[in-house]
Amino acid sequence: MDEERDLIGGKRGATRLAFATLLKFYTQYGRFPRGRAEFPDEVVDYVAKQTKTSASSLGLYDWSGRTIERHRGEIRDHLGFRDCSVADANRRDEVEMTALCLRILQASLVMVNVLMLQDVLADPEWSALLTPVDRRGLTLLFWLHVRPYGEVRLDLSARLSIGTLGSFSGA
């Protein structure tokens, strides 16, 4: 978060608010918004408060000029992305496969966390320690760091036992 504050710190007014909303939108959805209409008023109000700007100033931002292109470049650089080149476009299948593998890996890590927690909570002593509020908080714990650009659904209503999965033979 400090890095994001530093990145936003040199900007003022509408530019500061727009840059912050662009950054958050891109990290959440993996793309840039088409314009102001994609931001709920509550989100703009919250980000405006965090950036100490006026929410109404976002209406002054130019959503189609050189400034937004520069901002998009700064955000991509900050996050380690770059513009797609002709060579990248010719490797579309490879890019799609990489993205799919990442999504499956993220969902798999969440599933492993769930399985490990199920084993811990199978012990009545540990299970009794968590209240219903604690249990609801676990979902956030597992998913907070996952930012898939789509969704891989897992059937979490079925319980798998790690103890019966056996060991990996490494063939």
N, C-alpha and C. Protein backbone atom coordinates (compact mmCIF):
# COMPACT_ATOMS: atom_id res chain seq x y z
N MET A 1 0.80 -1.19 0.00
CA MET A 1 0.00 0.00 0.00
C MET A 1 0.85 1.27 0.00
N ASP A 2 1.99 1.23 0.66
CA ASP A 2 2.87 2.40 0.66
C ASP A 2 3.35 2.74 -0.74
N GLU A 3 3.64 1.68 -1.54
CA GLU A 3 4.06 1.91 -2.92
C GLU A 3 2.96 2.60 -3.71
N GLU A 4 1.70 2.18 -3.48
CA GLU A 4 0.57 2.81 -4.17
C GLU A 4 0.42 4.26 -3.74
N ARG A 5 0.60 4.52 -2.47
CA ARG A 5 0.50 5.91 -1.99
C ARG A 5 1.58 6.78 -2.63
N ASP A 6 2.78 6.23 -2.74
CA ASP A 6 3.87 6.97 -3.39
C ASP A 6 3.55 7.24 -4.85
N LEU A 7 2.98 6.26 -5.51
CA LEU A 7 2.62 6.39 -6.93
C LEU A 7 1.57 7.47 -7.13
N ILE A 8 0.61 7.53 -6.23
CA ILE A 8 -0.49 8.50 -6.32
C ILE A 8 -0.06 9.86 -5.78
N GLY A 9 0.92 9.86 -4.90
CA GLY A 9 1.31 11.07 -4.17
C GLY A 9 1.66 12.28 -5.00
N GLY A 10 2.21 12.11 -6.18
CA GLY A 10 2.62 13.25 -7.00
C GLY A 10 1.49 13.86 -7.81
N LYS A 11 0.29 13.35 -7.68
CA LYS A 11 -0.83 13.82 -8.47
C LYS A 11 -1.78 14.66 -7.61
N ARG A 12 -2.53 15.55 -8.24
CA ARG A 12 -3.42 16.47 -7.51
C ARG A 12 -4.82 16.45 -8.11
N GLY A 13 -5.81 16.75 -7.28
CA GLY A 13 -7.19 16.95 -7.73
C GLY A 13 -7.79 15.79 -8.49
N ALA A 14 -8.43 16.13 -9.62
CA ALA A 14 -9.10 15.11 -10.43
C ALA A 14 -8.12 14.05 -10.91
N THR A 15 -6.92 14.45 -11.21
CA THR A 15 -5.91 13.50 -11.68
C THR A 15 -5.57 12.48 -10.59
N ARG A 16 -5.46 12.95 -9.37
CA ARG A 16 -5.14 12.06 -8.24
C ARG A 16 -6.26 11.04 -8.03
N LEU A 17 -7.49 11.52 -8.00
CA LEU A 17 -8.64 10.63 -7.79
C LEU A 17 -8.79 9.66 -8.95
N ALA A 18 -8.68 10.15 -10.18
CA ALA A 18 -8.83 9.28 -11.34
C ALA A 18 -7.74 8.22 -11.36
N PHE A 19 -6.50 8.61 -11.07
CA PHE A 19 -5.40 7.66 -11.08
C PHE A 19 -5.63 6.56 -10.03
N ALA A 20 -6.06 6.95 -8.85
CA ALA A 20 -6.31 5.97 -7.78
C ALA A 20 -7.43 5.01 -8.17
N THR A 21 -8.51 5.53 -8.76
CA THR A 21 -9.60 4.65 -9.17
C THR A 21 -9.18 3.74 -10.33
N LEU A 22 -8.38 4.26 -11.25
CA LEU A 22 -7.86 3.43 -12.34
C LEU A 22 -7.00 2.29 -11.80
N LEU A 23 -6.13 2.62 -10.86
CA LEU A 23 -5.23 1.63 -10.26
C LEU A 23 -6.03 0.52 -9.57
N LYS A 24 -6.99 0.91 -8.76
CA LYS A 24 -7.78 -0.09 -8.02
C LYS A 24 -8.64 -0.92 -8.96
N PHE A 25 -9.22 -0.28 -9.97
CA PHE A 25 -10.05 -0.99 -10.94
C PHE A 25 -9.20 -2.03 -11.68
N TYR A 26 -8.01 -1.62 -12.12
CA TYR A 26 -7.15 -2.53 -12.88
C TYR A 26 -6.69 -3.71 -12.03
N THR A 27 -6.34 -3.47 -10.78
CA THR A 27 -5.90 -4.58 -9.92
C THR A 27 -7.06 -5.52 -9.61
N GLN A 28 -8.27 -5.00 -9.60
CA GLN A 28 -9.44 -5.84 -9.29
C GLN A 28 -9.93 -6.62 -10.51
N TYR A 29 -9.99 -5.98 -11.68
CA TYR A 29 -10.62 -6.59 -12.85
C TYR A 29 -9.67 -6.95 -13.99
N GLY A 30 -8.41 -6.53 -13.91
CA GLY A 30 -7.45 -6.88 -14.95
C GLY A 30 -7.64 -6.11 -16.25
N ARG A 31 -8.36 -5.03 -16.19
CA ARG A 31 -8.55 -4.16 -17.35
C ARG A 31 -8.83 -2.76 -16.83
N PHE A 32 -8.77 -1.80 -17.75
CA PHE A 32 -9.06 -0.43 -17.37
C PHE A 32 -10.53 -0.12 -17.65
N PRO A 33 -11.14 0.77 -16.86
CA PRO A 33 -12.54 1.13 -17.11
C PRO A 33 -12.66 1.96 -18.38
N ARG A 34 -13.85 1.92 -18.96
CA ARG A 34 -14.10 2.71 -20.17
C ARG A 34 -14.42 4.17 -19.82
N GLY A 35 -14.84 4.40 -18.59
CA GLY A 35 -15.18 5.76 -18.19
C GLY A 35 -15.73 5.82 -16.79
N ARG A 36 -16.18 6.99 -16.40
CA ARG A 36 -16.68 7.25 -15.05
C ARG A 36 -17.87 6.36 -14.70
N ALA A 37 -18.68 6.01 -15.68
CA ALA A 37 -19.91 5.25 -15.43
C ALA A 37 -19.64 3.87 -14.82
N GLU A 38 -18.45 3.35 -14.95
CA GLU A 38 -18.14 2.02 -14.40
C GLU A 38 -17.85 2.05 -12.90
N PHE A 39 -17.80 3.23 -12.29
CA PHE A 39 -17.52 3.33 -10.86
C PHE A 39 -18.80 3.69 -10.10
N PRO A 40 -19.23 2.84 -9.18
CA PRO A 40 -20.37 3.22 -8.34
C PRO A 40 -20.00 4.46 -7.52
N ASP A 41 -20.99 5.29 -7.25
CA ASP A 41 -20.75 6.52 -6.48
C ASP A 41 -20.12 6.24 -5.12
N GLU A 42 -20.53 5.13 -4.50
CA GLU A 42 -19.98 4.79 -3.18
C GLU A 42 -18.47 4.55 -3.26
N VAL A 43 -18.03 3.91 -4.34
CA VAL A 43 -16.60 3.63 -4.53
C VAL A 43 -15.85 4.94 -4.72
N VAL A 44 -16.38 5.81 -5.57
CA VAL A 44 -15.73 7.09 -5.83
C VAL A 44 -15.65 7.90 -4.54
N ASP A 45 -16.73 7.92 -3.76
CA ASP A 45 -16.72 8.65 -2.50
C ASP A 45 -15.65 8.10 -1.55
N TYR A 46 -15.55 6.77 -1.48
CA TYR A 46 -14.57 6.14 -0.59
C TYR A 46 -13.14 6.47 -1.03
N VAL A 47 -12.85 6.32 -2.32
CA VAL A 47 -11.50 6.59 -2.82
C VAL A 47 -11.18 8.08 -2.67
N ALA A 48 -12.17 8.94 -2.91
CA ALA A 48 -11.96 10.39 -2.75
C ALA A 48 -11.57 10.71 -1.30
N LYS A 49 -12.23 10.06 -0.37
CA LYS A 49 -11.90 10.29 1.04
C LYS A 49 -10.48 9.81 1.35
N GLN A 50 -10.11 8.65 0.80
CA GLN A 50 -8.78 8.10 1.03
C GLN A 50 -7.68 8.96 0.41
N THR A 51 -7.98 9.57 -0.74
CA THR A 51 -6.98 10.38 -1.44
C THR A 51 -7.09 11.86 -1.10
N LYS A 52 -8.04 12.19 -0.20
CA LYS A 52 -8.24 13.58 0.24
C LYS A 52 -8.54 14.50 -0.95
N THR A 53 -9.47 14.04 -1.81
CA THR A 53 -9.90 14.84 -2.95
C THR A 53 -11.42 14.90 -2.94
N SER A 54 -11.97 15.69 -3.81
CA SER A 54 -13.42 15.82 -3.94
C SER A 54 -13.93 14.78 -4.93
N ALA A 55 -14.97 14.05 -4.55
CA ALA A 55 -15.53 13.03 -5.44
C ALA A 55 -16.02 13.65 -6.75
N SER A 56 -16.51 14.87 -6.69
CA SER A 56 -17.03 15.52 -7.90
C SER A 56 -15.92 15.85 -8.90
N SER A 57 -14.68 15.89 -8.44
CA SER A 57 -13.58 16.22 -9.35
C SER A 57 -13.35 15.14 -10.41
N LEU A 58 -13.84 13.93 -10.17
CA LEU A 58 -13.66 12.86 -11.15
C LEU A 58 -14.37 13.19 -12.47
N GLY A 59 -15.41 14.00 -12.39
CA GLY A 59 -16.11 14.42 -13.60
C GLY A 59 -15.27 15.31 -14.50
N LEU A 60 -14.19 15.89 -13.98
CA LEU A 60 -13.32 16.77 -14.76
C LEU A 60 -12.22 16.02 -15.50
N TYR A 61 -12.07 14.73 -15.21
CA TYR A 61 -10.98 13.94 -15.78
C TYR A 61 -11.28 13.61 -17.24
N ASP A 62 -10.27 13.70 -18.10
CA ASP A 62 -10.40 13.40 -19.53
C ASP A 62 -10.17 11.90 -19.73
N TRP A 63 -11.22 11.17 -20.08
CA TRP A 63 -11.16 9.71 -20.21
C TRP A 63 -10.68 9.25 -21.58
N SER A 64 -10.26 10.18 -22.44
CA SER A 64 -9.84 9.76 -23.78
C SER A 64 -8.56 10.43 -24.26
N GLY A 65 -7.89 11.19 -23.45
CA GLY A 65 -6.72 11.94 -23.91
C GLY A 65 -5.40 11.29 -23.60
N ARG A 66 -4.36 12.08 -23.75
CA ARG A 66 -3.00 11.59 -23.50
C ARG A 66 -2.75 11.31 -22.03
N THR A 67 -3.44 12.05 -21.16
CA THR A 67 -3.23 11.86 -19.72
C THR A 67 -3.62 10.45 -19.29
N ILE A 68 -4.77 9.99 -19.73
CA ILE A 68 -5.20 8.64 -19.31
C ILE A 68 -4.28 7.58 -19.91
N GLU A 69 -3.78 7.81 -21.11
CA GLU A 69 -2.83 6.85 -21.70
C GLU A 69 -1.55 6.79 -20.88
N ARG A 70 -1.07 7.95 -20.43
CA ARG A 70 0.13 7.99 -19.58
C ARG A 70 -0.15 7.30 -18.25
N HIS A 71 -1.33 7.55 -17.68
CA HIS A 71 -1.69 6.92 -16.41
C HIS A 71 -1.77 5.40 -16.55
N ARG A 72 -2.37 4.94 -17.64
CA ARG A 72 -2.44 3.49 -17.87
C ARG A 72 -1.04 2.90 -17.96
N GLY A 73 -0.14 3.59 -18.64
CA GLY A 73 1.24 3.12 -18.74
C GLY A 73 1.92 3.07 -17.39
N GLU A 74 1.72 4.09 -16.57
CA GLU A 74 2.32 4.11 -15.22
C GLU A 74 1.80 2.94 -14.38
N ILE A 75 0.51 2.68 -14.49
CA ILE A 75 -0.09 1.59 -13.71
C ILE A 75 0.44 0.25 -14.19
N ARG A 76 0.49 0.06 -15.50
CA ARG A 76 1.02 -1.21 -16.03
C ARG A 76 2.48 -1.39 -15.60
N ASP A 77 3.28 -0.33 -15.69
CA ASP A 77 4.69 -0.42 -15.25
C ASP A 77 4.78 -0.79 -13.78
N HIS A 78 3.97 -0.12 -12.95
CA HIS A 78 3.97 -0.37 -11.51
C HIS A 78 3.63 -1.83 -11.20
N LEU A 79 2.69 -2.39 -11.95
CA LEU A 79 2.24 -3.76 -11.68
C LEU A 79 3.03 -4.81 -12.46
N GLY A 80 3.98 -4.37 -13.30
CA GLY A 80 4.82 -5.31 -14.02
C GLY A 80 4.23 -5.82 -15.33
N PHE A 81 3.26 -5.08 -15.89
CA PHE A 81 2.67 -5.46 -17.18
C PHE A 81 3.22 -4.56 -18.27
N ARG A 82 2.97 -4.96 -19.51
CA ARG A 82 3.36 -4.13 -20.65
C ARG A 82 2.27 -4.24 -21.70
N ASP A 83 2.30 -3.35 -22.69
CA ASP A 83 1.35 -3.40 -23.80
C ASP A 83 1.57 -4.67 -24.61
N CYS A 84 0.49 -5.18 -25.16
CA CYS A 84 0.56 -6.35 -26.02
C CYS A 84 1.19 -5.97 -27.36
N SER A 85 2.15 -6.74 -27.80
CA SER A 85 2.82 -6.49 -29.08
C SER A 85 2.24 -7.40 -30.16
N VAL A 86 2.67 -7.21 -31.40
CA VAL A 86 2.24 -8.07 -32.50
C VAL A 86 2.69 -9.51 -32.23
N ALA A 87 3.90 -9.65 -31.72
CA ALA A 87 4.41 -10.99 -31.40
C ALA A 87 3.55 -11.66 -30.33
N ASP A 88 3.11 -10.88 -29.34
CA ASP A 88 2.23 -11.43 -28.29
C ASP A 88 0.90 -11.86 -28.88
N ALA A 89 0.36 -11.05 -29.78
CA ALA A 89 -0.93 -11.36 -30.38
C ALA A 89 -0.85 -12.66 -31.17
N ASN A 90 0.30 -12.95 -31.75
CA ASN A 90 0.48 -14.18 -32.51
C ASN A 90 0.62 -15.39 -31.59
N ARG A 91 0.82 -15.18 -30.30
CA ARG A 91 0.95 -16.26 -29.32
C ARG A 91 -0.29 -16.34 -28.44
N ARG A 92 -1.43 -16.06 -28.99
CA ARG A 92 -2.67 -15.97 -28.22
C ARG A 92 -2.96 -17.26 -27.45
N ASP A 93 -2.80 -18.41 -28.11
CA ASP A 93 -3.08 -19.68 -27.44
C ASP A 93 -2.20 -19.87 -26.21
N GLU A 94 -0.93 -19.50 -26.33
CA GLU A 94 0.00 -19.63 -25.20
C GLU A 94 -0.41 -18.72 -24.05
N VAL A 95 -0.80 -17.50 -24.38
CA VAL A 95 -1.22 -16.54 -23.35
C VAL A 95 -2.48 -17.04 -22.64
N GLU A 96 -3.44 -17.54 -23.42
CA GLU A 96 -4.68 -18.05 -22.82
C GLU A 96 -4.41 -19.26 -21.93
N MET A 97 -3.52 -20.13 -22.36
CA MET A 97 -3.19 -21.31 -21.56
C MET A 97 -2.50 -20.91 -20.25
N THR A 98 -1.62 -19.93 -20.33
CA THR A 98 -0.93 -19.43 -19.14
C THR A 98 -1.94 -18.86 -18.15
N ALA A 99 -2.88 -18.05 -18.65
CA ALA A 99 -3.90 -17.46 -17.77
C ALA A 99 -4.76 -18.55 -17.14
N LEU A 100 -5.15 -19.55 -17.91
CA LEU A 100 -5.95 -20.63 -17.38
C LEU A 100 -5.19 -21.40 -16.31
N CYS A 101 -3.91 -21.67 -16.55
CA CYS A 101 -3.09 -22.38 -15.55
C CYS A 101 -2.99 -21.59 -14.26
N LEU A 102 -2.84 -20.28 -14.37
CA LEU A 102 -2.77 -19.44 -13.18
C LEU A 102 -4.08 -19.52 -12.39
N ARG A 103 -5.20 -19.45 -13.09
CA ARG A 103 -6.50 -19.52 -12.41
C ARG A 103 -6.67 -20.86 -11.71
N ILE A 104 -6.28 -21.94 -12.38
CA ILE A 104 -6.42 -23.26 -11.78
C ILE A 104 -5.48 -23.40 -10.59
N LEU A 105 -4.26 -22.87 -10.70
CA LEU A 105 -3.31 -22.92 -9.59
C LEU A 105 -3.86 -22.15 -8.38
N GLN A 106 -4.40 -20.96 -8.61
CA GLN A 106 -4.95 -20.18 -7.51
C GLN A 106 -6.09 -20.92 -6.83
N ALA A 107 -7.01 -21.48 -7.62
CA ALA A 107 -8.13 -22.22 -7.05
C ALA A 107 -7.64 -23.46 -6.31
N SER A 108 -6.61 -24.09 -6.83
CA SER A 108 -6.05 -25.28 -6.18
C SER A 108 -5.43 -24.94 -4.83
N LEU A 109 -4.73 -23.81 -4.77
CA LEU A 109 -4.14 -23.39 -3.50
C LEU A 109 -5.22 -23.11 -2.46
N VAL A 110 -6.30 -22.52 -2.89
CA VAL A 110 -7.42 -22.29 -1.98
C VAL A 110 -7.96 -23.63 -1.51
N MET A 111 -8.12 -24.58 -2.42
CA MET A 111 -8.64 -25.89 -2.05
C MET A 111 -7.72 -26.60 -1.06
N VAL A 112 -6.42 -26.50 -1.26
CA VAL A 112 -5.47 -27.11 -0.32
C VAL A 112 -5.63 -26.47 1.06
N ASN A 113 -5.78 -25.16 1.11
CA ASN A 113 -5.99 -24.48 2.39
C ASN A 113 -7.26 -24.99 3.06
N VAL A 114 -8.33 -25.16 2.29
CA VAL A 114 -9.59 -25.66 2.84
C VAL A 114 -9.40 -27.07 3.39
N LEU A 115 -8.71 -27.92 2.63
CA LEU A 115 -8.51 -29.30 3.08
C LEU A 115 -7.69 -29.37 4.37
N MET A 116 -6.66 -28.55 4.44
CA MET A 116 -5.83 -28.54 5.66
C MET A 116 -6.66 -28.05 6.85
N LEU A 117 -7.47 -27.04 6.63
CA LEU A 117 -8.30 -26.53 7.72
C LEU A 117 -9.35 -27.56 8.13
N GLN A 118 -9.91 -28.28 7.17
CA GLN A 118 -10.87 -29.33 7.52
C GLN A 118 -10.24 -30.38 8.42
N ASP A 119 -9.01 -30.75 8.12
CA ASP A 119 -8.33 -31.72 8.96
C ASP A 119 -8.10 -31.18 10.37
N VAL A 120 -7.72 -29.92 10.47
CA VAL A 120 -7.50 -29.32 11.79
C VAL A 120 -8.83 -29.26 12.55
N LEU A 121 -9.90 -28.86 11.86
CA LEU A 121 -11.19 -28.71 12.54
C LEU A 121 -11.88 -30.04 12.81
N ALA A 122 -11.35 -31.12 12.25
CA ALA A 122 -11.91 -32.44 12.56
C ALA A 122 -11.63 -32.79 14.02
N ASP A 123 -10.62 -32.17 14.60
CA ASP A 123 -10.32 -32.35 16.01
C ASP A 123 -11.30 -31.51 16.81
N PRO A 124 -12.14 -32.12 17.66
CA PRO A 124 -13.17 -31.37 18.40
C PRO A 124 -12.60 -30.22 19.24
N GLU A 125 -11.40 -30.40 19.75
CA GLU A 125 -10.79 -29.34 20.57
C GLU A 125 -10.58 -28.07 19.75
N TRP A 126 -10.06 -28.22 18.53
CA TRP A 126 -9.84 -27.06 17.66
C TRP A 126 -11.17 -26.52 17.13
N SER A 127 -12.05 -27.42 16.77
CA SER A 127 -13.34 -27.02 16.21
C SER A 127 -14.14 -26.15 17.18
N ALA A 128 -14.04 -26.48 18.47
CA ALA A 128 -14.79 -25.74 19.48
C ALA A 128 -14.26 -24.32 19.69
N LEU A 129 -13.04 -24.06 19.26
CA LEU A 129 -12.45 -22.73 19.46
C LEU A 129 -13.04 -21.67 18.53
N LEU A 130 -13.54 -22.07 17.37
CA LEU A 130 -14.03 -21.11 16.38
C LEU A 130 -15.52 -20.85 16.54
N THR A 131 -15.87 -19.59 16.56
CA THR A 131 -17.27 -19.19 16.58
C THR A 131 -17.77 -19.13 15.13
N PRO A 132 -19.08 -19.02 14.92
CA PRO A 132 -19.59 -18.85 13.54
C PRO A 132 -18.99 -17.63 12.83
N VAL A 133 -18.74 -16.57 13.58
CA VAL A 133 -18.13 -15.37 12.98
C VAL A 133 -16.70 -15.68 12.52
N ASP A 134 -15.96 -16.43 13.33
CA ASP A 134 -14.60 -16.84 12.95
C ASP A 134 -14.62 -17.66 11.67
N ARG A 135 -15.58 -18.58 11.59
CA ARG A 135 -15.66 -19.45 10.41
C ARG A 135 -15.98 -18.65 9.15
N ARG A 136 -16.85 -17.65 9.26
CA ARG A 136 -17.15 -16.80 8.10
C ARG A 136 -15.93 -16.02 7.66
N GLY A 137 -15.08 -15.64 8.60
CA GLY A 137 -13.87 -14.89 8.27
C GLY A 137 -12.83 -15.71 7.52
N LEU A 138 -12.94 -17.03 7.60
CA LEU A 138 -11.97 -17.88 6.91
C LEU A 138 -12.08 -17.77 5.39
N THR A 139 -13.28 -17.56 4.88
CA THR A 139 -13.45 -17.42 3.43
C THR A 139 -12.61 -16.26 2.92
N LEU A 140 -12.67 -15.14 3.60
CA LEU A 140 -11.88 -13.97 3.22
C LEU A 140 -10.39 -14.29 3.30
N LEU A 141 -9.99 -15.02 4.32
CA LEU A 141 -8.59 -15.39 4.49
C LEU A 141 -8.08 -16.16 3.27
N PHE A 142 -8.88 -17.08 2.76
CA PHE A 142 -8.45 -17.90 1.62
C PHE A 142 -8.47 -17.13 0.31
N TRP A 143 -9.45 -16.27 0.11
CA TRP A 143 -9.66 -15.64 -1.19
C TRP A 143 -9.10 -14.24 -1.32
N LEU A 144 -8.63 -13.63 -0.25
CA LEU A 144 -8.19 -12.24 -0.28
C LEU A 144 -7.05 -12.02 -1.27
N HIS A 145 -6.14 -12.95 -1.37
CA HIS A 145 -4.96 -12.78 -2.21
C HIS A 145 -5.17 -13.27 -3.65
N VAL A 146 -6.31 -13.86 -3.95
CA VAL A 146 -6.56 -14.42 -5.28
C VAL A 146 -7.27 -13.38 -6.13
N ARG A 147 -6.72 -13.07 -7.29
CA ARG A 147 -7.31 -12.09 -8.20
C ARG A 147 -7.47 -12.69 -9.60
N PRO A 148 -8.30 -13.74 -9.71
CA PRO A 148 -8.46 -14.31 -11.05
C PRO A 148 -9.27 -13.39 -11.95
N TYR A 149 -8.98 -13.39 -13.24
CA TYR A 149 -9.74 -12.58 -14.19
C TYR A 149 -10.86 -13.43 -14.75
N GLY A 150 -11.59 -14.02 -13.92
CA GLY A 150 -12.66 -14.94 -14.25
C GLY A 150 -12.88 -15.76 -13.00
N GLU A 151 -13.50 -16.88 -13.14
CA GLU A 151 -13.80 -17.64 -11.95
C GLU A 151 -13.69 -19.13 -12.25
N VAL A 152 -13.03 -19.86 -11.40
CA VAL A 152 -12.99 -21.31 -11.45
C VAL A 152 -13.77 -21.78 -10.24
N ARG A 153 -14.88 -22.44 -10.47
CA ARG A 153 -15.74 -22.85 -9.35
C ARG A 153 -15.30 -24.23 -8.84
N LEU A 154 -15.19 -24.32 -7.54
CA LEU A 154 -14.88 -25.59 -6.89
C LEU A 154 -16.07 -26.01 -6.06
N ASP A 155 -16.31 -27.31 -5.97
CA ASP A 155 -17.40 -27.80 -5.15
C ASP A 155 -16.88 -27.95 -3.73
N LEU A 156 -17.11 -26.92 -2.91
CA LEU A 156 -16.61 -26.95 -1.54
C LEU A 156 -17.62 -27.58 -0.59
N SER A 157 -18.75 -28.03 -1.13
CA SER A 157 -19.74 -28.68 -0.26
C SER A 157 -19.35 -30.14 -0.01
N ALA A 158 -18.49 -30.70 -0.84
CA ALA A 158 -18.01 -32.06 -0.64
C ALA A 158 -16.69 -32.02 0.12
N ARG A 159 -16.58 -32.88 1.10
CA ARG A 159 -15.37 -32.91 1.92
C ARG A 159 -14.43 -33.98 1.42
N LEU A 160 -13.20 -33.61 1.18
CA LEU A 160 -12.16 -34.57 0.82
C LEU A 160 -11.23 -34.72 2.01
N SER A 161 -10.80 -35.91 2.27
CA SER A 161 -9.90 -36.15 3.38
C SER A 161 -8.48 -36.25 2.87
N ILE A 162 -7.62 -35.36 3.36
CA ILE A 162 -6.22 -35.40 2.94
C ILE A 162 -5.57 -36.70 3.38
N GLY A 163 -5.95 -37.21 4.54
CA GLY A 163 -5.35 -38.42 5.08
C GLY A 163 -5.56 -39.63 4.19
N THR A 164 -6.60 -39.66 3.37
CA THR A 164 -6.87 -40.83 2.53
C THR A 164 -6.40 -40.65 1.10
N LEU A 165 -5.79 -39.52 0.80
CA LEU A 165 -5.33 -39.28 -0.57
C LEU A 165 -4.08 -40.08 -0.92
N GLY A 166 -3.37 -40.54 0.07
CA GLY A 166 -2.17 -41.32 -0.19
C GLY A 166 -0.99 -40.42 -0.50
N SER A 167 0.15 -41.02 -0.76
CA SER A 167 1.35 -40.22 -1.04
C SER A 167 1.61 -40.21 -2.54
N PHE A 168 2.30 -39.18 -2.97
CA PHE A 168 2.65 -39.02 -4.38
C PHE A 168 3.86 -39.89 -4.69
N SER A 169 3.76 -40.69 -5.74
CA SER A 169 4.85 -41.62 -6.04
C SER A 169 5.93 -40.98 -6.88
N GLY A 170 5.64 -39.83 -7.50
CA GLY A 170 6.67 -39.13 -8.29
C GLY A 170 7.15 -39.90 -9.49
N ALA A 171 6.24 -40.55 -10.20
CA ALA A 171 6.59 -41.39 -11.35
C ALA A 171 7.30 -40.66 -12.44
